[in-house]
Protein backbone atom coordinates (compact mmCIF):
# COMPACT_ATOMS: atom_id res chain seq x y z
CA MET A 1 -21.46 6.75 4.48
CA TRP A 2 -20.73 3.18 3.38
CA SER A 3 -20.92 0.27 5.73
CA PHE A 4 -19.56 -3.10 4.73
CA ASN A 5 -21.27 -6.06 6.32
CA ILE A 6 -18.35 -8.44 6.08
CA PRO A 7 -18.47 -11.44 8.40
CA PRO A 8 -15.92 -11.09 11.24
CA LYS A 9 -13.78 -13.95 9.87
CA ALA A 10 -13.57 -12.20 6.49
CA MET A 11 -12.41 -8.88 7.95
CA PRO A 12 -8.65 -8.49 8.00
CA ALA A 13 -7.17 -8.50 11.48
CA VAL A 14 -5.69 -5.20 12.65
CA VAL A 15 -2.41 -5.25 14.55
CA LYS A 16 -0.59 -2.44 16.41
CA ALA A 17 2.30 -0.73 14.62
CA PRO A 18 5.64 -2.50 14.67
CA ILE A 19 8.66 -0.21 14.58
CA THR A 20 10.53 -2.03 11.81
CA TRP A 21 9.51 -4.09 8.81
CA SER A 22 9.32 -7.79 9.52
CA PRO A 23 8.84 -10.53 6.93
CA PRO A 24 5.51 -12.29 6.52
CA GLN A 25 5.10 -15.96 7.36
CA VAL A 26 6.98 -18.49 5.23
CA ARG A 27 5.76 -18.70 1.61
CA THR A 28 3.49 -15.67 1.95
CA LEU A 29 3.60 -12.10 0.66
CA LYS A 30 3.33 -8.71 2.33
CA LEU A 31 2.24 -5.46 0.67
CA ASN A 32 3.56 -2.07 1.80
CA SER A 33 2.32 1.13 0.16
CA ASP A 34 2.82 4.86 0.56
CA ALA A 35 2.21 8.20 -1.11
CA SER A 36 4.47 11.22 -1.49
CA VAL A 37 3.56 14.81 -2.36
CA ARG A 38 5.81 17.63 -3.48
CA PRO A 39 4.20 20.80 -2.09
CA GLY A 40 2.88 23.11 -4.79
CA SER A 41 3.44 20.60 -7.59
CA GLN A 42 -0.20 19.51 -8.15
CA ARG A 43 1.20 15.98 -8.35
CA CYS A 44 1.66 13.07 -6.02
CA ARG A 45 3.42 9.72 -6.36
CA VAL A 46 1.91 6.48 -5.07
CA VAL A 47 3.93 3.30 -4.67
CA ALA A 48 3.30 -0.25 -3.56
CA ILE A 49 5.87 -2.96 -2.88
CA ILE A 50 5.15 -6.68 -2.54
CA LYS A 51 7.81 -8.65 -0.67
CA ASP A 52 8.17 -12.32 0.14
CA ASP A 53 9.15 -13.96 3.44
CA LYS A 54 12.85 -13.50 2.64
CA GLY A 55 12.40 -9.76 2.07
CA TRP A 56 12.86 -10.03 -1.71
CA ILE A 57 10.75 -7.73 -3.84
CA THR A 58 8.32 -9.81 -5.89
CA ALA A 59 6.78 -6.76 -7.56
CA ALA A 60 6.56 -3.00 -7.12
CA VAL A 61 4.64 -0.23 -8.83
CA SER A 62 5.03 3.54 -8.88
CA LYS A 63 2.42 5.85 -10.39
CA SER A 64 2.10 9.59 -10.71
CA LEU A 65 -1.25 11.28 -10.02
CA VAL A 66 -2.04 14.80 -11.15
CA GLY A 67 -4.32 16.87 -8.93
CA ASN A 68 -4.91 17.85 -5.33
CA PHE A 69 -5.97 14.93 -3.18
CA SER A 70 -6.43 14.50 0.54
CA PRO A 71 -3.74 12.46 2.31
CA GLU A 72 -6.38 9.75 2.91
CA THR A 73 -7.19 9.52 -0.80
CA GLU A 74 -3.50 9.38 -1.74
CA GLU A 75 -2.83 6.57 0.75
CA LEU A 76 -5.92 4.66 -0.41
CA VAL A 77 -4.91 5.02 -4.07
CA ALA A 78 -1.41 3.72 -3.24
CA LEU A 79 -2.96 0.72 -1.50
CA ARG A 80 -5.41 0.15 -4.36
CA GLU A 81 -2.55 0.19 -6.90
CA GLY A 82 -0.71 -2.46 -4.88
CA LEU A 83 -3.81 -4.62 -4.63
CA LEU A 84 -4.46 -4.23 -8.37
CA LEU A 85 -0.85 -5.25 -9.03
CA ALA A 86 -1.31 -8.35 -6.86
CA LYS A 87 -4.58 -9.18 -8.63
CA GLY A 88 -3.00 -8.71 -12.07
CA LEU A 89 -0.10 -11.01 -11.16
CA LYS A 90 -2.48 -13.49 -9.48
CA LEU A 91 -0.70 -13.08 -6.13
CA LYS A 92 -2.27 -13.67 -2.74
CA ILE A 93 -1.32 -11.11 -0.09
CA SER A 94 -1.30 -12.32 3.50
CA CYS A 95 -0.59 -8.94 5.10
CA VAL A 96 -0.92 -5.26 4.21
CA GLU A 97 1.13 -2.65 6.09
CA LEU A 98 0.53 1.09 6.01
CA ASP A 99 1.98 4.01 7.91
CA ALA A 100 -1.44 5.69 7.77
CA CYS A 101 -3.20 4.68 11.00
CA ASN A 102 -6.47 6.32 9.93
CA ILE A 103 -6.65 4.13 6.82
CA VAL A 104 -6.00 0.99 8.88
CA ALA A 105 -8.80 2.09 11.24
CA MET A 106 -11.18 2.65 8.29
CA ILE A 107 -10.40 -0.80 6.91
CA SER A 108 -10.86 -2.50 10.27
CA SER A 109 -14.22 -0.82 10.84
CA GLY A 110 -15.41 -1.24 7.26
CA ILE A 111 -16.82 2.29 7.41
CA VAL A 112 -15.51 5.33 5.56
CA VAL A 113 -16.75 8.89 5.85
CA SER A 114 -18.42 10.15 2.68
CA GLY A 115 -16.23 12.17 0.38
CA ALA A 116 -13.57 11.92 -2.31
CA SER A 117 -11.99 8.84 -0.71
CA GLU A 118 -15.23 6.87 -0.75
CA PHE A 119 -14.97 5.34 -4.23
CA VAL A 120 -11.34 4.29 -3.70
CA PHE A 121 -12.20 2.75 -0.33
CA VAL A 122 -14.94 0.65 -1.96
CA ASP A 123 -12.38 -0.65 -4.48
CA VAL A 124 -9.86 -1.44 -1.72
CA MET A 125 -12.40 -3.42 0.30
CA ALA A 126 -13.40 -5.46 -2.76
CA LEU A 127 -9.76 -6.09 -3.70
CA PHE A 128 -8.97 -7.25 -0.14
CA LYS A 129 -11.33 -10.17 -0.80
CA VAL A 130 -9.95 -10.90 -4.28
CA VAL A 131 -6.28 -11.14 -3.18
CA GLU A 132 -7.29 -12.79 0.11
CA VAL A 133 -5.72 -10.29 2.54
CA LEU A 134 -5.66 -11.80 6.03
CA SER A 135 -4.40 -8.83 8.03
CA CYS A 136 -3.95 -5.09 7.73
CA GLN A 137 -1.64 -3.38 10.15
CA SER A 138 -0.24 -0.01 10.91
CA ILE A 139 3.54 0.32 10.75
CA SER A 140 5.83 3.18 11.72
CA ARG A 141 7.21 5.44 8.99
CA ASN A 142 10.62 3.88 9.68
CA GLY A 143 9.17 0.40 9.23
CA ASN A 144 7.63 1.51 5.93
CA ARG A 145 10.79 3.29 4.78
CA VAL A 146 11.32 1.30 1.57
CA ALA A 147 7.90 2.34 0.24
CA ASN A 148 8.35 5.85 1.62
CA ASN A 149 11.82 6.27 0.11
CA LEU A 150 10.71 4.89 -3.25
CA ALA A 151 7.75 7.29 -3.33
CA THR A 152 10.03 10.22 -2.53
CA LEU A 153 12.69 9.21 -5.09
CA ALA A 154 10.13 8.50 -7.80
CA MET A 155 8.80 12.08 -7.51
CA SER A 156 11.70 13.03 -9.81
CA TYR A 157 10.11 11.07 -12.67
CA LYS A 158 6.93 11.65 -14.63
CA GLU A 159 6.68 8.07 -15.89
CA ASP A 160 4.91 5.22 -14.14
CA PHE A 161 7.04 2.20 -13.27
CA LEU A 162 6.50 -1.51 -12.71
CA TRP A 163 9.23 -3.80 -11.36
CA GLN A 164 9.15 -7.57 -10.97
CA ASN A 165 11.70 -9.78 -9.19
CA VAL A 166 14.30 -7.04 -8.98
CA CYS A 167 16.46 -5.51 -6.30
CA LEU A 168 15.30 -1.89 -6.19
CA SER A 169 18.54 -0.77 -4.52
CA SER A 170 20.32 -1.64 -7.79
CA ILE A 171 18.02 0.80 -9.62
CA PHE A 172 17.97 3.45 -6.89
CA PRO A 173 21.30 3.01 -5.03
CA CYS A 174 20.23 5.35 -2.23
CA LEU A 175 17.09 3.30 -1.52
CA VAL A 176 17.33 1.65 1.87
CA VAL A 177 16.09 -1.92 1.53
């Protein structure tokens, strides 16, 4: 089991789950991520969306993973992909939102149970420092619906996708933004 001795000020704050998505503070960015699995397909889709304080999508990524993974690993990989996207674009993320309460709890404690998720968790914790995440909060599935819907819709594709400064509803008209 890993334990991260991060000073209390460096640990992201954890907030209770809001019901709907709300914008981050002015001139800051928020990252939402999610994973989707089609039963029996041996494949999952992870997505991450970075939005600004006006709700505009600064960047989004969608990747396909082949294999059987635990829900925790899938959610952590989705989060890691979003953090890697932010790092690659040199973006600072003020807030991360997930609809996976157990992942938020792991992040807030800095402790993850040994297993397949362990190596991804270590990456996530390191990336939190790099992109200067200030808070990590749980959000309802409804509040995370853009990431959830994109993950579900993207299951139809085998390719990986990267979007920057685009309105995803123009690409996927049925995507609720």
